[in-house]
Amino acid sequence: MAVNREPILKRCKALGISPMVMGVAKETKRDPNANKRRKVSEYGLQLKEKQKLKFIYGMLEKPFFHYFELAQKMEGQAGANLITLLESRLDNIAFRMGMAMTRREARQLVVHGHFLVNGKRVDIPSYRVRVGDVISLKENSKKSEKFKQIIEATAGRTTPTWLDVDKEKQTAKVTRLPVKEDLDYEIEEHLIVELYSK
């Protein structure tokens, strides 16, 4: 499987997003205005927004486009639906509930079978959770030193309002579907729709 090994801080600077969005508590020391002089075309802006969303959720082009096709078939606006689909992924929820430092780590932990959805083991990072689903850590994983360190490190992280997180029991319940207003980063999703609609 293809893996993006590009340094997170370098990519964050190029896409204009805070490393905190990626779960990295570092800031780049490079000049943020270094490339501002270049005029960006309309296509360039659309491409940047698509690359930003792909990078945040750690996705490659083919699965990302598949999500876009699903979003178009759903009721409502395709851009808003795309964000809802991406936020509803199991690896993203593991990250949001503070059980992983980054989404990359969350993906790996899900693949290794550390998470349960409604009491059943799920090891598919792209698994779509629904309203009412309860995501929890496996009993064996709760005793793991690794998870104790992660929970300590992510103690100050704010959890989204659409997740009812119980840090003591290490569980999270999906109370509603996520929407754009719940995001901790800026995105112009209509530009992605325009890019794919050409």
C-alpha atoms as a PDB file:
ATOM      1  CA  MET A   1       0.000   0.000   0.000  1.00  0.00           C
ATOM      2  CA  ALA A   2       1.237   3.511  -0.812  1.00  0.00           C
ATOM      3  CA  VAL A   3       2.225   5.569   2.209  1.00  0.00           C
ATOM      4  CA  ASN A   4       2.773   9.320   2.400  1.00  0.00           C
ATOM      5  CA  ARG A   5       6.155   9.789   4.105  1.00  0.00           C
ATOM      6  CA  GLU A   6       6.434  13.542   3.533  1.00  0.00           C
ATOM      7  CA  PRO A   7       7.392  15.476   6.701  1.00  0.00           C
ATOM      8  CA  ILE A   8       4.250  16.734   8.425  1.00  0.00           C
ATOM      9  CA  LEU A   9       5.556  20.226   9.270  1.00  0.00           C
ATOM     10  CA  LYS A  10       6.755  20.832   5.707  1.00  0.00           C
ATOM     11  CA  ARG A  11       3.405  19.760   4.250  1.00  0.00           C
ATOM     12  CA  CYS A  12       1.439  21.793   6.812  1.00  0.00           C
ATOM     13  CA  LYS A  13       3.364  24.922   5.824  1.00  0.00           C
ATOM     14  CA  ALA A  14       2.793  24.297   2.112  1.00  0.00           C
ATOM     15  CA  LEU A  15      -0.958  23.815   2.629  1.00  0.00           C
ATOM     16  CA  GLY A  16      -1.334  26.614   5.186  1.00  0.00           C
ATOM     17  CA  ILE A  17      -2.653  24.522   8.084  1.00  0.00           C
ATOM     18  CA  SER A  18      -1.561  24.403  11.719  1.00  0.00           C
ATOM     19  CA  PRO A  19       0.382  21.263  12.747  1.00  0.00           C
ATOM     20  CA  MET A  20      -1.999  21.078  15.743  1.00  0.00           C
ATOM     21  CA  VAL A  21      -4.733  19.961  13.299  1.00  0.00           C
ATOM     22  CA  MET A  22      -2.559  16.921  12.587  1.00  0.00           C
ATOM     23  CA  GLY A  23      -2.010  16.271  16.302  1.00  0.00           C
ATOM     24  CA  VAL A  24       1.585  17.562  16.208  1.00  0.00           C
ATOM     25  CA  ALA A  25       2.445  20.055  18.959  1.00  0.00           C
ATOM     26  CA  LYS A  26       5.222  21.754  17.012  1.00  0.00           C
ATOM     27  CA  GLU A  27       5.349  24.876  14.913  1.00  0.00           C
ATOM     28  CA  THR A  28       7.500  25.422  11.853  1.00  0.00           C
ATOM     29  CA  LYS A  29      10.138  28.168  12.156  1.00  0.00           C
ATOM     30  CA  ARG A  30      10.110  28.942   8.453  1.00  0.00           C
ATOM     31  CA  ASP A  31       8.718  32.204   7.105  1.00  0.00           C
ATOM     32  CA  PRO A  32       4.954  31.693   6.559  1.00  0.00           C
ATOM     33  CA  ASN A  33       4.865  34.447   3.918  1.00  0.00           C
ATOM     34  CA  ALA A  34       7.729  33.059   1.821  1.00  0.00           C
ATOM     35  CA  ASN A  35       5.571  32.008  -1.152  1.00  0.00           C
ATOM     36  CA  LYS A  36       2.806  34.621  -0.849  1.00  0.00           C
ATOM     37  CA  ARG A  37       4.184  36.644  -3.771  1.00  0.00           C
ATOM     38  CA  ARG A  38       3.229  33.988  -6.288  1.00  0.00           C
ATOM     39  CA  LYS A  39      -0.174  34.522  -7.874  1.00  0.00           C
ATOM     40  CA  VAL A  40      -2.291  31.372  -7.566  1.00  0.00           C
ATOM     41  CA  SER A  41      -4.735  30.469 -10.330  1.00  0.00           C
ATOM     42  CA  GLU A  42      -8.319  29.374  -9.693  1.00  0.00           C
ATOM     43  CA  TYR A  43      -7.306  25.783 -10.449  1.00  0.00           C
ATOM     44  CA  GLY A  44      -4.366  26.147  -8.039  1.00  0.00           C
ATOM     45  CA  LEU A  45      -6.708  27.224  -5.225  1.00  0.00           C
ATOM     46  CA  GLN A  46      -9.085  24.320  -5.907  1.00  0.00           C
ATOM     47  CA  LEU A  47      -6.207  21.820  -6.019  1.00  0.00           C
ATOM     48  CA  LYS A  48      -4.758  23.159  -2.753  1.00  0.00           C
ATOM     49  CA  GLU A  49      -8.089  22.694  -0.916  1.00  0.00           C
ATOM     50  CA  LYS A  50      -8.337  19.111  -2.209  1.00  0.00           C
ATOM     51  CA  GLN A  51      -4.733  18.357  -1.194  1.00  0.00           C
ATOM     52  CA  LYS A  52      -5.363  19.886   2.235  1.00  0.00           C
ATOM     53  CA  LEU A  53      -8.335  17.607   2.935  1.00  0.00           C
ATOM     54  CA  LYS A  54      -6.525  14.537   1.563  1.00  0.00           C
ATOM     55  CA  PHE A  55      -3.484  15.277   3.729  1.00  0.00           C
ATOM     56  CA  ILE A  56      -5.461  15.889   6.945  1.00  0.00           C
ATOM     57  CA  TYR A  57      -7.251  12.524   6.657  1.00  0.00           C
ATOM     58  CA  GLY A  58      -4.222  10.693   5.219  1.00  0.00           C
ATOM     59  CA  MET A  59      -5.909   9.638   2.000  1.00  0.00           C
ATOM     60  CA  LEU A  60      -4.779   8.882  -1.524  1.00  0.00           C
ATOM     61  CA  GLU A  61      -6.561  10.096  -4.666  1.00  0.00           C
ATOM     62  CA  LYS A  62      -8.598   6.990  -5.528  1.00  0.00           C
ATOM     63  CA  PRO A  63     -10.319   6.479  -2.134  1.00  0.00           C
ATOM     64  CA  PHE A  64     -10.757  10.254  -1.755  1.00  0.00           C
ATOM     65  CA  PHE A  65     -12.547  10.475  -5.117  1.00  0.00           C
ATOM     66  CA  HIS A  66     -14.701   7.505  -4.057  1.00  0.00           C
ATOM     67  CA  TYR A  67     -15.808   9.520  -1.014  1.00  0.00           C
ATOM     68  CA  PHE A  68     -16.616  12.456  -3.295  1.00  0.00           C
ATOM     69  CA  GLU A  69     -18.795  10.221  -5.491  1.00  0.00           C
ATOM     70  CA  LEU A  70     -20.638   8.975  -2.375  1.00  0.00           C
ATOM     71  CA  ALA A  71     -21.083  12.571  -1.163  1.00  0.00           C
ATOM     72  CA  GLN A  72     -22.652  13.556  -4.510  1.00  0.00           C
ATOM     73  CA  LYS A  73     -25.224  10.751  -4.276  1.00  0.00           C
ATOM     74  CA  MET A  74     -26.297  11.757  -0.748  1.00  0.00           C
ATOM     75  CA  GLU A  75     -28.968  14.354  -0.014  1.00  0.00           C
ATOM     76  CA  GLY A  76     -27.735  17.897   0.555  1.00  0.00           C
ATOM     77  CA  GLN A  77     -24.559  19.656  -0.576  1.00  0.00           C
ATOM     78  CA  ALA A  78     -21.727  17.455  -1.862  1.00  0.00           C
ATOM     79  CA  GLY A  79     -19.019  19.475  -0.048  1.00  0.00           C
ATOM     80  CA  ALA A  80     -20.720  19.264   3.349  1.00  0.00           C
ATOM     81  CA  ASN A  81     -21.457  15.552   2.804  1.00  0.00           C
ATOM     82  CA  LEU A  82     -17.781  14.925   1.968  1.00  0.00           C
ATOM     83  CA  ILE A  83     -16.682  16.438   5.297  1.00  0.00           C
ATOM     84  CA  THR A  84     -19.278  14.373   7.176  1.00  0.00           C
ATOM     85  CA  LEU A  85     -18.054  11.162   5.494  1.00  0.00           C
ATOM     86  CA  LEU A  86     -14.396  11.876   6.251  1.00  0.00           C
ATOM     87  CA  GLU A  87     -15.059  12.829   9.892  1.00  0.00           C
ATOM     88  CA  SER A  88     -17.166   9.662  10.361  1.00  0.00           C
ATOM     89  CA  ARG A  89     -14.219   7.338   9.611  1.00  0.00           C
ATOM     90  CA  LEU A  90     -13.234   5.094  12.511  1.00  0.00           C
ATOM     91  CA  ASP A  91      -9.560   6.166  12.431  1.00  0.00           C
ATOM     92  CA  ASN A  92     -10.607   9.830  12.657  1.00  0.00           C
ATOM     93  CA  ILE A  93     -12.891   9.092  15.612  1.00  0.00           C
ATOM     94  CA  ALA A  94     -10.074   7.234  17.413  1.00  0.00           C
ATOM     95  CA  PHE A  95      -7.992  10.415  16.944  1.00  0.00           C
ATOM     96  CA  ARG A  96     -10.840  12.749  17.970  1.00  0.00           C
ATOM     97  CA  MET A  97     -11.561  10.831  21.191  1.00  0.00           C
ATOM     98  CA  GLY A  98      -7.910  11.194  22.224  1.00  0.00           C
ATOM     99  CA  MET A  99      -6.867   7.561  21.776  1.00  0.00           C
ATOM    100  CA  ALA A 100      -4.111   8.433  19.283  1.00  0.00           C
ATOM    101  CA  MET A 101      -1.610  11.270  18.927  1.00  0.00           C
ATOM    102  CA  THR A 102      -2.147  11.643  15.166  1.00  0.00           C
ATOM    103  CA  ARG A 103      -4.530  10.268  12.531  1.00  0.00           C
ATOM    104  CA  ARG A 104      -1.645   8.218  11.103  1.00  0.00           C
ATOM    105  CA  GLU A 105      -1.204   6.558  14.490  1.00  0.00           C
ATOM    106  CA  ALA A 106      -4.995   6.130  14.850  1.00  0.00           C
ATOM    107  CA  ARG A 107      -5.099   4.324  11.503  1.00  0.00           C
ATOM    108  CA  GLN A 108      -2.354   1.930  12.627  1.00  0.00           C
ATOM    109  CA  LEU A 109      -4.040   1.261  15.984  1.00  0.00           C
ATOM    110  CA  VAL A 110      -7.358   0.492  14.258  1.00  0.00           C
ATOM    111  CA  VAL A 111      -5.632  -1.914  11.825  1.00  0.00           C
ATOM    112  CA  HIS A 112      -4.061  -3.689  14.814  1.00  0.00           C
ATOM    113  CA  GLY A 113      -7.554  -4.310  16.198  1.00  0.00           C
ATOM    114  CA  HIS A 114      -7.466  -2.168  19.362  1.00  0.00           C
ATOM    115  CA  PHE A 115     -10.970  -0.723  18.872  1.00  0.00           C
ATOM    116  CA  LEU A 116     -14.488  -2.071  19.224  1.00  0.00           C
ATOM    117  CA  VAL A 117     -17.638  -0.655  17.630  1.00  0.00           C
ATOM    118  CA  ASN A 118     -20.764  -1.629  19.581  1.00  0.00           C
ATOM    119  CA  GLY A 119     -18.718  -4.373  21.279  1.00  0.00           C
ATOM    120  CA  LYS A 120     -17.434  -5.902  18.032  1.00  0.00           C
ATOM    121  CA  ARG A 121     -13.798  -5.714  16.905  1.00  0.00           C
ATOM    122  CA  VAL A 122     -13.344  -3.558  13.805  1.00  0.00           C
ATOM    123  CA  ASP A 123      -9.933  -3.291  12.113  1.00  0.00           C
ATOM    124  CA  ILE A 124     -10.928  -1.235   9.048  1.00  0.00           C
ATOM    125  CA  PRO A 125      -9.801   2.431   9.351  1.00  0.00           C
ATOM    126  CA  SER A 126     -12.354   3.600   6.758  1.00  0.00           C
ATOM    127  CA  TYR A 127     -15.268   1.978   8.638  1.00  0.00           C
ATOM    128  CA  ARG A 128     -18.123   4.516   8.737  1.00  0.00           C
ATOM    129  CA  VAL A 129     -19.654   5.009  12.155  1.00  0.00           C
ATOM    130  CA  ARG A 130     -23.307   5.980  12.528  1.00  0.00           C
ATOM    131  CA  VAL A 131     -25.304   7.945  15.072  1.00  0.00           C
ATOM    132  CA  GLY A 132     -25.678   5.885  18.252  1.00  0.00           C
ATOM    133  CA  ASP A 133     -22.536   3.800  17.677  1.00  0.00           C
ATOM    134  CA  VAL A 134     -20.281   3.305  20.711  1.00  0.00           C
ATOM    135  CA  ILE A 135     -16.545   3.148  20.043  1.00  0.00           C
ATOM    136  CA  SER A 136     -14.365   1.699  22.806  1.00  0.00           C
ATOM    137  CA  LEU A 137     -10.913   0.339  23.504  1.00  0.00           C
ATOM    138  CA  LYS A 138     -10.457  -3.422  23.810  1.00  0.00           C
ATOM    139  CA  GLU A 139     -10.095  -4.587  27.439  1.00  0.00           C
ATOM    140  CA  ASN A 140      -6.510  -5.785  26.872  1.00  0.00           C
ATOM    141  CA  SER A 141      -5.595  -2.468  25.242  1.00  0.00           C
ATOM    142  CA  LYS A 142      -6.871  -0.473  28.237  1.00  0.00           C
ATOM    143  CA  LYS A 143      -4.103  -2.019  30.366  1.00  0.00           C
ATOM    144  CA  SER A 144      -1.443  -1.223  27.766  1.00  0.00           C
ATOM    145  CA  GLU A 145       1.294   1.247  28.743  1.00  0.00           C
ATOM    146  CA  LYS A 146       1.132   2.709  25.231  1.00  0.00           C
ATOM    147  CA  PHE A 147      -2.492   3.818  25.643  1.00  0.00           C
ATOM    148  CA  LYS A 148      -1.825   5.188  29.139  1.00  0.00           C
ATOM    149  CA  GLN A 149       0.886   7.416  27.633  1.00  0.00           C
ATOM    150  CA  ILE A 150      -1.404   8.518  24.759  1.00  0.00           C
ATOM    151  CA  ILE A 151      -4.277   9.389  27.139  1.00  0.00           C
ATOM    152  CA  GLU A 152      -1.915  11.459  29.327  1.00  0.00           C
ATOM    153  CA  ALA A 153      -0.497  13.268  26.284  1.00  0.00           C
ATOM    154  CA  THR A 154      -3.942  14.065  24.804  1.00  0.00           C
ATOM    155  CA  ALA A 155      -5.571  15.070  28.121  1.00  0.00           C
ATOM    156  CA  GLY A 156      -5.793  18.750  27.119  1.00  0.00           C
ATOM    157  CA  ARG A 157      -7.250  18.103  23.653  1.00  0.00           C
ATOM    158  CA  THR A 158     -10.809  19.314  23.169  1.00  0.00           C
ATOM    159  CA  THR A 159     -13.245  16.689  21.929  1.00  0.00           C
ATOM    160  CA  PRO A 160     -15.887  17.584  19.321  1.00  0.00           C
ATOM    161  CA  THR A 161     -19.482  18.197  20.453  1.00  0.00           C
ATOM    162  CA  TRP A 162     -20.839  15.377  18.267  1.00  0.00           C
ATOM    163  CA  LEU A 163     -18.898  12.816  20.332  1.00  0.00           C
ATOM    164  CA  ASP A 164     -19.838  11.951  23.910  1.00  0.00           C
ATOM    165  CA  VAL A 165     -16.424  10.872  25.245  1.00  0.00           C
ATOM    166  CA  ASP A 166     -15.922   9.096  28.568  1.00  0.00           C
ATOM    167  CA  LYS A 167     -12.181   9.343  29.302  1.00  0.00           C
ATOM    168  CA  GLU A 168     -12.473   7.074  32.352  1.00  0.00           C
ATOM    169  CA  LYS A 169     -14.075   4.180  30.458  1.00  0.00           C
ATOM    170  CA  GLN A 170     -12.222   5.080  27.234  1.00  0.00           C
ATOM    171  CA  THR A 171     -15.401   5.072  25.167  1.00  0.00           C
ATOM    172  CA  ALA A 172     -17.110   7.510  22.824  1.00  0.00           C
ATOM    173  CA  LYS A 173     -20.706   7.605  21.590  1.00  0.00           C
ATOM    174  CA  VAL A 174     -21.664   9.295  18.335  1.00  0.00           C
ATOM    175  CA  THR A 175     -24.532  11.632  19.289  1.00  0.00           C
ATOM    176  CA  ARG A 176     -24.990  13.170  15.830  1.00  0.00           C
ATOM    177  CA  LEU A 177     -23.257  13.353  12.465  1.00  0.00           C
ATOM    178  CA  PRO A 178     -20.352  15.837  12.258  1.00  0.00           C
ATOM    179  CA  VAL A 179     -20.782  19.037  10.231  1.00  0.00           C
ATOM    180  CA  LYS A 180     -18.366  21.681   8.892  1.00  0.00           C
ATOM    181  CA  GLU A 181     -18.890  23.923  11.948  1.00  0.00           C
ATOM    182  CA  ASP A 182     -17.353  21.202  14.151  1.00  0.00           C
ATOM    183  CA  LEU A 183     -13.992  21.306  12.345  1.00  0.00           C
ATOM    184  CA  ASP A 184     -10.834  22.725  13.911  1.00  0.00           C
ATOM    185  CA  TYR A 185      -9.442  23.896  10.563  1.00  0.00           C
ATOM    186  CA  GLU A 186     -10.570  26.134   7.698  1.00  0.00           C
ATOM    187  CA  ILE A 187     -11.680  24.505   4.440  1.00  0.00           C
ATOM    188  CA  GLU A 188     -13.389  25.839   1.316  1.00  0.00           C
ATOM    189  CA  GLU A 189     -15.106  22.588   0.359  1.00  0.00           C
ATOM    190  CA  HIS A 190     -17.009  24.187  -2.553  1.00  0.00           C
ATOM    191  CA  LEU A 191     -13.652  24.553  -4.370  1.00  0.00           C
ATOM    192  CA  ILE A 192     -13.179  20.758  -4.219  1.00  0.00           C
ATOM    193  CA  VAL A 193     -16.667  20.267  -5.692  1.00  0.00           C
ATOM    194  CA  GLU A 194     -15.830  22.742  -8.472  1.00  0.00           C
ATOM    195  CA  LEU A 195     -12.538  20.948  -9.183  1.00  0.00           C
ATOM    196  CA  TYR A 196     -14.178  17.529  -9.570  1.00  0.00           C
ATOM    197  CA  SER A 197     -17.134  18.974 -11.509  1.00  0.00           C
ATOM    198  CA  LYS A 198     -14.955  20.163 -14.405  1.00  0.00           C
END
